[in-house]
Structures are given as structure tokens and as C-alpha cells.
Amino acid sequence: MWGGRGDHRILAEAQHGFKTTSMSMNLFLQPEPLLSELLQMAGNDGFLDRILFVCVKPHLYFSRITRKAARDIKTFGENVISTALMSIFANHKEGVHEYTFEEDAQELFDELVDNHVRDVNSQYDSPNGM
């Protein structure tokens, strides 16, 4: 998630930007239903160009692993997501906690972000380099 930093771009028409992030969101769902919904919002207004989507590659697990995961997740009770989120909330009330990627996940994330930056910068190339 983006850390609340602002953004500033000088485009051909004018200067654009914002001082802080308007919102950050994590969605835990499969890409296909999300893309189906996003198609309804597709247009020439540039809205979808302002969203960075990151999705992991599919990785199937053998039944032994999925059965164990199902048993483990039952320990949270019926409301797994709300229980997990409340646990995170309670943990953060005790102080600041930093979350990090494992090394290979960080490398993949960095590569995806860098590719996105190159793509956006090539579309909005400005003479002064901003």
C-alpha cells in the first residue's frame, strides 16, 4: 500500500498532482471478477490509469496442503476475515509495526513497480524530466 506520499506531474496542459494519497486499498479476491467489474468503469477519463494493480501468479496446492489449511483456518471461527483484521487492529494499538516482503517477493514487487513507472513515464514524457 502506498505510504501517503503525494505526487506531482507537469503535463502538456498544466501541472497535476496531489499532496497526499487519497486512499489505499487491498482487495483479496481473484483477478477475473475484479477485471469484469473494472470493465464496467472503462472509459477515456483516465481513472483506471491512476490505479496500480498487483496480482500474484496462480499457484495450486495439493489436497494434503489445502486440507491442513482448512483445518488451521477453522481455529479463527466463522468470521475469519473480521477476526484477522481485529487481531491486526489490537496488535497495532500496542505500537507501530512494520510489515515487509520476503526478499524474492520484494524483488518481484520492485520489478512490477519499476515496469509500471517506465510505462507511465513513457506516456507522459515531459521536457523538464518531471
N, C-alpha and C. Protein backbone atom coordinates (compact mmCIF):
# COMPACT_ATOMS: atom_id res chain seq x y z
N MET A 1 0.84 -1.18 0.00
CA MET A 1 0.00 0.00 0.00
C MET A 1 0.89 1.23 0.00
N TRP A 2 0.39 2.25 -0.61
CA TRP A 2 1.13 3.49 -0.76
C TRP A 2 1.19 4.21 0.58
N GLY A 3 2.31 4.79 0.93
CA GLY A 3 2.52 5.34 2.25
C GLY A 3 2.04 6.75 2.46
N GLY A 4 1.10 7.25 1.67
CA GLY A 4 0.55 8.58 1.90
C GLY A 4 1.34 9.69 1.26
N ARG A 5 2.36 9.35 0.47
CA ARG A 5 3.15 10.38 -0.19
C ARG A 5 2.37 10.96 -1.35
N GLY A 6 2.61 12.18 -1.64
CA GLY A 6 1.94 12.86 -2.74
C GLY A 6 2.58 12.55 -4.08
N ASP A 7 2.10 13.22 -5.09
CA ASP A 7 2.58 13.02 -6.45
C ASP A 7 2.49 14.35 -7.18
N HIS A 8 3.39 14.58 -8.10
CA HIS A 8 3.36 15.83 -8.85
C HIS A 8 3.85 15.56 -10.26
N ARG A 9 3.10 15.95 -11.23
CA ARG A 9 3.46 15.77 -12.64
C ARG A 9 3.20 17.06 -13.39
N ILE A 10 4.09 17.39 -14.29
CA ILE A 10 3.86 18.50 -15.20
C ILE A 10 3.57 17.89 -16.56
N LEU A 11 2.35 18.04 -16.99
CA LEU A 11 1.93 17.51 -18.28
C LEU A 11 1.83 18.65 -19.28
N ALA A 12 1.51 18.32 -20.50
CA ALA A 12 1.45 19.33 -21.54
C ALA A 12 0.43 20.42 -21.24
N GLU A 13 -0.71 20.04 -20.63
CA GLU A 13 -1.77 21.02 -20.40
C GLU A 13 -1.50 21.88 -19.17
N ALA A 14 -1.00 21.27 -18.08
CA ALA A 14 -0.84 22.01 -16.83
C ALA A 14 -0.12 21.12 -15.82
N GLN A 15 0.07 21.66 -14.62
CA GLN A 15 0.65 20.87 -13.54
C GLN A 15 -0.46 20.09 -12.85
N HIS A 16 -0.19 18.84 -12.58
CA HIS A 16 -1.16 17.99 -11.91
C HIS A 16 -0.48 17.35 -10.71
N GLY A 17 -1.24 17.02 -9.72
CA GLY A 17 -0.68 16.31 -8.57
C GLY A 17 -1.56 16.46 -7.35
N PHE A 18 -1.11 15.89 -6.27
CA PHE A 18 -1.82 15.96 -5.01
C PHE A 18 -0.81 15.84 -3.89
N LYS A 19 -1.13 16.42 -2.74
CA LYS A 19 -0.18 16.46 -1.64
C LYS A 19 -0.10 15.14 -0.88
N THR A 20 -1.22 14.46 -0.75
CA THR A 20 -1.22 13.18 -0.05
C THR A 20 -2.09 12.20 -0.80
N THR A 21 -1.92 10.94 -0.48
CA THR A 21 -2.72 9.89 -1.09
C THR A 21 -4.17 10.03 -0.67
N SER A 22 -5.07 9.90 -1.61
CA SER A 22 -6.48 10.00 -1.27
C SER A 22 -6.98 8.70 -0.64
N MET A 23 -6.44 7.57 -1.06
CA MET A 23 -6.85 6.32 -0.44
C MET A 23 -5.92 5.19 -0.87
N SER A 24 -5.86 4.17 -0.05
CA SER A 24 -5.16 2.93 -0.36
C SER A 24 -6.12 1.80 -0.07
N MET A 25 -6.01 0.74 -0.85
CA MET A 25 -6.96 -0.35 -0.69
C MET A 25 -6.29 -1.67 -1.04
N ASN A 26 -6.53 -2.68 -0.25
CA ASN A 26 -6.15 -4.05 -0.58
C ASN A 26 -7.42 -4.83 -0.82
N LEU A 27 -7.48 -5.55 -1.93
CA LEU A 27 -8.62 -6.41 -2.23
C LEU A 27 -8.13 -7.84 -2.31
N PHE A 28 -8.72 -8.70 -1.51
CA PHE A 28 -8.33 -10.09 -1.51
C PHE A 28 -9.35 -10.90 -2.29
N LEU A 29 -9.20 -10.88 -3.62
CA LEU A 29 -10.08 -11.65 -4.48
C LEU A 29 -9.33 -12.04 -5.73
N GLN A 30 -9.93 -12.94 -6.47
CA GLN A 30 -9.32 -13.41 -7.70
C GLN A 30 -9.35 -12.31 -8.76
N PRO A 31 -8.37 -12.28 -9.67
CA PRO A 31 -8.31 -11.20 -10.67
C PRO A 31 -9.50 -11.17 -11.62
N GLU A 32 -10.02 -12.32 -12.02
CA GLU A 32 -11.07 -12.34 -13.05
C GLU A 32 -12.33 -11.57 -12.66
N PRO A 33 -12.92 -11.78 -11.46
CA PRO A 33 -14.10 -10.98 -11.12
C PRO A 33 -13.78 -9.49 -11.00
N LEU A 34 -12.58 -9.17 -10.51
CA LEU A 34 -12.20 -7.76 -10.41
C LEU A 34 -12.13 -7.13 -11.80
N LEU A 35 -11.49 -7.81 -12.73
CA LEU A 35 -11.38 -7.27 -14.08
C LEU A 35 -12.74 -7.13 -14.74
N SER A 36 -13.65 -8.07 -14.47
CA SER A 36 -15.00 -7.96 -15.03
C SER A 36 -15.69 -6.69 -14.53
N GLU A 37 -15.52 -6.39 -13.24
CA GLU A 37 -16.12 -5.17 -12.69
C GLU A 37 -15.45 -3.92 -13.25
N LEU A 38 -14.13 -3.98 -13.40
CA LEU A 38 -13.40 -2.81 -13.90
C LEU A 38 -13.77 -2.48 -15.34
N LEU A 39 -14.14 -3.49 -16.11
CA LEU A 39 -14.55 -3.24 -17.50
C LEU A 39 -15.76 -2.31 -17.55
N GLN A 40 -16.60 -2.39 -16.51
CA GLN A 40 -17.77 -1.51 -16.46
C GLN A 40 -17.36 -0.05 -16.27
N MET A 41 -16.19 0.18 -15.67
CA MET A 41 -15.73 1.54 -15.42
C MET A 41 -14.79 2.05 -16.51
N ALA A 42 -14.48 1.21 -17.48
CA ALA A 42 -13.52 1.60 -18.51
C ALA A 42 -14.07 2.76 -19.34
N GLY A 43 -13.23 3.70 -19.59
CA GLY A 43 -13.61 4.85 -20.39
C GLY A 43 -12.37 5.65 -20.73
N ASN A 44 -12.55 6.77 -21.33
CA ASN A 44 -11.42 7.59 -21.73
C ASN A 44 -11.14 8.71 -20.73
N ASP A 45 -11.57 8.52 -19.47
CA ASP A 45 -11.36 9.57 -18.47
C ASP A 45 -10.05 9.42 -17.71
N GLY A 46 -9.30 8.33 -17.93
CA GLY A 46 -8.02 8.14 -17.28
C GLY A 46 -8.09 7.60 -15.86
N PHE A 47 -9.30 7.28 -15.38
CA PHE A 47 -9.45 6.82 -14.00
C PHE A 47 -8.63 5.55 -13.73
N LEU A 48 -8.75 4.56 -14.61
CA LEU A 48 -8.05 3.29 -14.38
C LEU A 48 -6.54 3.44 -14.53
N ASP A 49 -6.07 4.49 -15.20
CA ASP A 49 -4.63 4.75 -15.32
C ASP A 49 -4.03 5.17 -13.99
N ARG A 50 -4.84 5.56 -13.04
CA ARG A 50 -4.35 6.05 -11.75
C ARG A 50 -4.32 4.96 -10.69
N ILE A 51 -4.58 3.72 -11.07
CA ILE A 51 -4.63 2.62 -10.12
C ILE A 51 -3.55 1.61 -10.48
N LEU A 52 -2.76 1.22 -9.49
CA LEU A 52 -1.74 0.20 -9.68
C LEU A 52 -2.29 -1.12 -9.17
N PHE A 53 -2.40 -2.10 -10.06
CA PHE A 53 -2.88 -3.42 -9.68
C PHE A 53 -1.69 -4.37 -9.62
N VAL A 54 -1.62 -5.13 -8.55
CA VAL A 54 -0.59 -6.15 -8.40
C VAL A 54 -1.31 -7.45 -8.10
N CYS A 55 -0.98 -8.48 -8.85
CA CYS A 55 -1.63 -9.77 -8.66
C CYS A 55 -0.58 -10.86 -8.70
N VAL A 56 -0.67 -11.80 -7.80
CA VAL A 56 0.28 -12.90 -7.80
C VAL A 56 -0.10 -13.92 -8.87
N LYS A 57 0.89 -14.66 -9.31
CA LYS A 57 0.63 -15.73 -10.27
C LYS A 57 -0.15 -16.83 -9.56
N PRO A 58 -1.02 -17.54 -10.29
CA PRO A 58 -1.75 -18.64 -9.66
C PRO A 58 -0.78 -19.73 -9.19
N HIS A 59 -1.08 -20.29 -8.06
CA HIS A 59 -0.26 -21.38 -7.52
C HIS A 59 -1.19 -22.36 -6.82
N LEU A 60 -1.36 -23.52 -7.43
CA LEU A 60 -2.26 -24.52 -6.86
C LEU A 60 -1.51 -25.39 -5.85
N TYR A 61 -2.25 -25.83 -4.84
CA TYR A 61 -1.67 -26.68 -3.80
C TYR A 61 -2.32 -28.05 -3.84
N PHE A 62 -1.54 -29.06 -3.47
CA PHE A 62 -2.06 -30.41 -3.40
C PHE A 62 -3.07 -30.52 -2.27
N SER A 63 -3.97 -31.50 -2.37
CA SER A 63 -5.08 -31.62 -1.44
C SER A 63 -4.62 -31.74 0.01
N ARG A 64 -3.50 -32.39 0.27
CA ARG A 64 -2.99 -32.52 1.63
C ARG A 64 -2.76 -31.14 2.25
N ILE A 65 -2.21 -30.23 1.49
CA ILE A 65 -1.91 -28.88 1.98
C ILE A 65 -3.20 -28.08 2.16
N THR A 66 -4.13 -28.20 1.21
CA THR A 66 -5.38 -27.43 1.33
C THR A 66 -6.23 -27.94 2.48
N ARG A 67 -6.23 -29.25 2.73
CA ARG A 67 -6.97 -29.77 3.89
C ARG A 67 -6.38 -29.25 5.19
N LYS A 68 -5.06 -29.21 5.29
CA LYS A 68 -4.41 -28.69 6.50
C LYS A 68 -4.74 -27.21 6.67
N ALA A 69 -4.70 -26.44 5.59
CA ALA A 69 -5.02 -25.01 5.67
C ALA A 69 -6.46 -24.81 6.12
N ALA A 70 -7.37 -25.63 5.61
CA ALA A 70 -8.78 -25.52 6.01
C ALA A 70 -8.95 -25.82 7.49
N ARG A 71 -8.22 -26.83 7.99
CA ARG A 71 -8.27 -27.14 9.44
C ARG A 71 -7.71 -25.98 10.25
N ASP A 72 -6.58 -25.43 9.80
CA ASP A 72 -5.94 -24.33 10.53
C ASP A 72 -6.82 -23.09 10.58
N ILE A 73 -7.48 -22.79 9.47
CA ILE A 73 -8.28 -21.56 9.41
C ILE A 73 -9.54 -21.67 10.27
N LYS A 74 -10.00 -22.89 10.54
CA LYS A 74 -11.18 -23.07 11.39
C LYS A 74 -10.93 -22.61 12.82
N THR A 75 -9.66 -22.51 13.21
CA THR A 75 -9.36 -22.05 14.56
C THR A 75 -9.76 -20.59 14.76
N PHE A 76 -9.95 -19.85 13.67
CA PHE A 76 -10.38 -18.46 13.76
C PHE A 76 -11.89 -18.32 13.92
N GLY A 77 -12.62 -19.39 13.71
CA GLY A 77 -14.07 -19.33 13.81
C GLY A 77 -14.71 -18.98 12.48
N GLU A 78 -16.01 -18.63 12.54
CA GLU A 78 -16.77 -18.36 11.32
C GLU A 78 -16.33 -17.11 10.60
N ASN A 79 -16.06 -16.06 11.32
CA ASN A 79 -15.73 -14.76 10.72
C ASN A 79 -14.22 -14.59 10.61
N VAL A 80 -13.63 -15.35 9.70
CA VAL A 80 -12.17 -15.39 9.57
C VAL A 80 -11.60 -14.01 9.29
N ILE A 81 -12.13 -13.31 8.31
CA ILE A 81 -11.57 -12.02 7.91
C ILE A 81 -11.69 -11.00 9.03
N SER A 82 -12.89 -10.86 9.60
CA SER A 82 -13.05 -9.87 10.66
C SER A 82 -12.21 -10.23 11.88
N THR A 83 -12.07 -11.51 12.18
CA THR A 83 -11.24 -11.92 13.31
C THR A 83 -9.78 -11.55 13.05
N ALA A 84 -9.31 -11.82 11.84
CA ALA A 84 -7.92 -11.48 11.48
C ALA A 84 -7.70 -9.97 11.53
N LEU A 85 -8.65 -9.21 10.98
CA LEU A 85 -8.50 -7.75 10.99
C LEU A 85 -8.54 -7.18 12.40
N MET A 86 -9.39 -7.71 13.25
CA MET A 86 -9.44 -7.24 14.64
C MET A 86 -8.14 -7.60 15.38
N SER A 87 -7.56 -8.74 15.05
CA SER A 87 -6.30 -9.14 15.65
C SER A 87 -5.19 -8.16 15.24
N ILE A 88 -5.18 -7.79 13.97
CA ILE A 88 -4.20 -6.81 13.48
C ILE A 88 -4.43 -5.46 14.17
N PHE A 89 -5.69 -5.05 14.28
CA PHE A 89 -6.02 -3.78 14.94
C PHE A 89 -5.52 -3.78 16.39
N ALA A 90 -5.80 -4.87 17.12
CA ALA A 90 -5.37 -4.96 18.51
C ALA A 90 -3.85 -4.92 18.61
N ASN A 91 -3.18 -5.58 17.68
CA ASN A 91 -1.72 -5.60 17.67
C ASN A 91 -1.16 -4.20 17.44
N HIS A 92 -1.81 -3.41 16.60
CA HIS A 92 -1.32 -2.07 16.28
C HIS A 92 -1.63 -1.06 17.39
N LYS A 93 -2.58 -1.37 18.24
CA LYS A 93 -2.85 -0.47 19.37
C LYS A 93 -1.67 -0.46 20.33
N GLU A 94 -0.88 -1.52 20.32
CA GLU A 94 0.28 -1.62 21.20
C GLU A 94 1.46 -0.81 20.69
N GLY A 95 1.44 -0.39 19.45
CA GLY A 95 2.55 0.40 18.89
C GLY A 95 2.66 0.19 17.40
N VAL A 96 3.67 0.80 16.83
CA VAL A 96 3.88 0.74 15.38
C VAL A 96 4.53 -0.59 15.02
N HIS A 97 4.04 -1.19 13.96
CA HIS A 97 4.60 -2.44 13.45
C HIS A 97 4.92 -2.27 11.98
N GLU A 98 6.04 -2.76 11.58
CA GLU A 98 6.45 -2.66 10.18
C GLU A 98 6.30 -4.02 9.51
N TYR A 99 5.65 -4.00 8.34
CA TYR A 99 5.47 -5.22 7.56
C TYR A 99 6.39 -5.16 6.36
N THR A 100 7.04 -6.25 6.06
CA THR A 100 7.95 -6.29 4.92
C THR A 100 7.71 -7.55 4.10
N PHE A 101 8.12 -7.48 2.84
CA PHE A 101 8.08 -8.64 1.97
C PHE A 101 9.30 -9.52 2.24
N GLU A 102 9.18 -10.81 1.94
CA GLU A 102 10.37 -11.65 1.89
C GLU A 102 11.19 -11.18 0.69
N GLU A 103 12.47 -11.53 0.66
CA GLU A 103 13.38 -10.96 -0.34
C GLU A 103 12.91 -11.17 -1.77
N ASP A 104 12.50 -12.40 -2.12
CA ASP A 104 12.09 -12.64 -3.50
C ASP A 104 10.78 -11.95 -3.83
N ALA A 105 9.89 -11.82 -2.85
CA ALA A 105 8.64 -11.09 -3.07
C ALA A 105 8.92 -9.60 -3.26
N GLN A 106 9.86 -9.05 -2.51
CA GLN A 106 10.22 -7.64 -2.65
C GLN A 106 10.83 -7.38 -4.03
N GLU A 107 11.67 -8.30 -4.49
CA GLU A 107 12.27 -8.16 -5.83
C GLU A 107 11.19 -8.17 -6.91
N LEU A 108 10.21 -9.06 -6.79
CA LEU A 108 9.13 -9.12 -7.76
C LEU A 108 8.30 -7.83 -7.71
N PHE A 109 7.97 -7.37 -6.50
CA PHE A 109 7.20 -6.14 -6.35
C PHE A 109 7.95 -4.96 -6.96
N ASP A 110 9.26 -4.85 -6.66
CA ASP A 110 10.07 -3.77 -7.22
C ASP A 110 10.08 -3.81 -8.74
N GLU A 111 10.19 -5.00 -9.30
CA GLU A 111 10.18 -5.15 -10.76
C GLU A 111 8.85 -4.69 -11.35
N LEU A 112 7.75 -5.09 -10.71
CA LEU A 112 6.42 -4.68 -11.20
C LEU A 112 6.25 -3.16 -11.12
N VAL A 113 6.66 -2.58 -10.01
CA VAL A 113 6.55 -1.12 -9.85
C VAL A 113 7.43 -0.41 -10.86
N ASP A 114 8.68 -0.87 -11.04
CA ASP A 114 9.59 -0.23 -11.99
C ASP A 114 9.04 -0.31 -13.42
N ASN A 115 8.47 -1.45 -13.78
CA ASN A 115 7.86 -1.58 -15.11
C ASN A 115 6.70 -0.60 -15.26
N HIS A 116 5.90 -0.46 -14.22
CA HIS A 116 4.78 0.48 -14.25
C HIS A 116 5.28 1.91 -14.39
N VAL A 117 6.33 2.25 -13.64
CA VAL A 117 6.90 3.60 -13.70
C VAL A 117 7.42 3.89 -15.10
N ARG A 118 8.14 2.95 -15.69
CA ARG A 118 8.65 3.14 -17.06
C ARG A 118 7.50 3.35 -18.04
N ASP A 119 6.44 2.55 -17.89
CA ASP A 119 5.30 2.66 -18.78
C ASP A 119 4.62 4.03 -18.65
N VAL A 120 4.36 4.46 -17.42
CA VAL A 120 3.71 5.75 -17.20
C VAL A 120 4.61 6.89 -17.66
N ASN A 121 5.89 6.84 -17.30
CA ASN A 121 6.81 7.90 -17.71
C ASN A 121 6.90 8.02 -19.22
N SER A 122 6.85 6.89 -19.94
CA SER A 122 6.93 6.96 -21.40
C SER A 122 5.68 7.59 -22.00
N GLN A 123 4.54 7.45 -21.32
CA GLN A 123 3.30 8.04 -21.82
C GLN A 123 3.22 9.53 -21.53
N TYR A 124 3.85 9.96 -20.45
CA TYR A 124 3.76 11.36 -20.04
C TYR A 124 5.14 12.00 -20.00
N ASP A 125 5.92 11.77 -21.02
CA ASP A 125 7.26 12.32 -21.07
C ASP A 125 7.18 13.85 -21.11
N SER A 126 7.98 14.47 -20.26
CA SER A 126 7.95 15.92 -20.14
C SER A 126 9.36 16.46 -20.42
N PRO A 127 9.48 17.61 -21.04
CA PRO A 127 10.81 18.12 -21.37
C PRO A 127 11.69 18.40 -20.17
N ASN A 128 11.12 18.74 -19.01
CA ASN A 128 11.96 19.03 -17.84
C ASN A 128 12.22 17.80 -16.97
N GLY A 129 11.74 16.63 -17.41
CA GLY A 129 12.06 15.39 -16.70
C GLY A 129 11.20 15.08 -15.49
N MET A 130 10.19 15.87 -15.20
CA MET A 130 9.33 15.58 -14.04
C MET A 130 8.20 14.67 -14.44
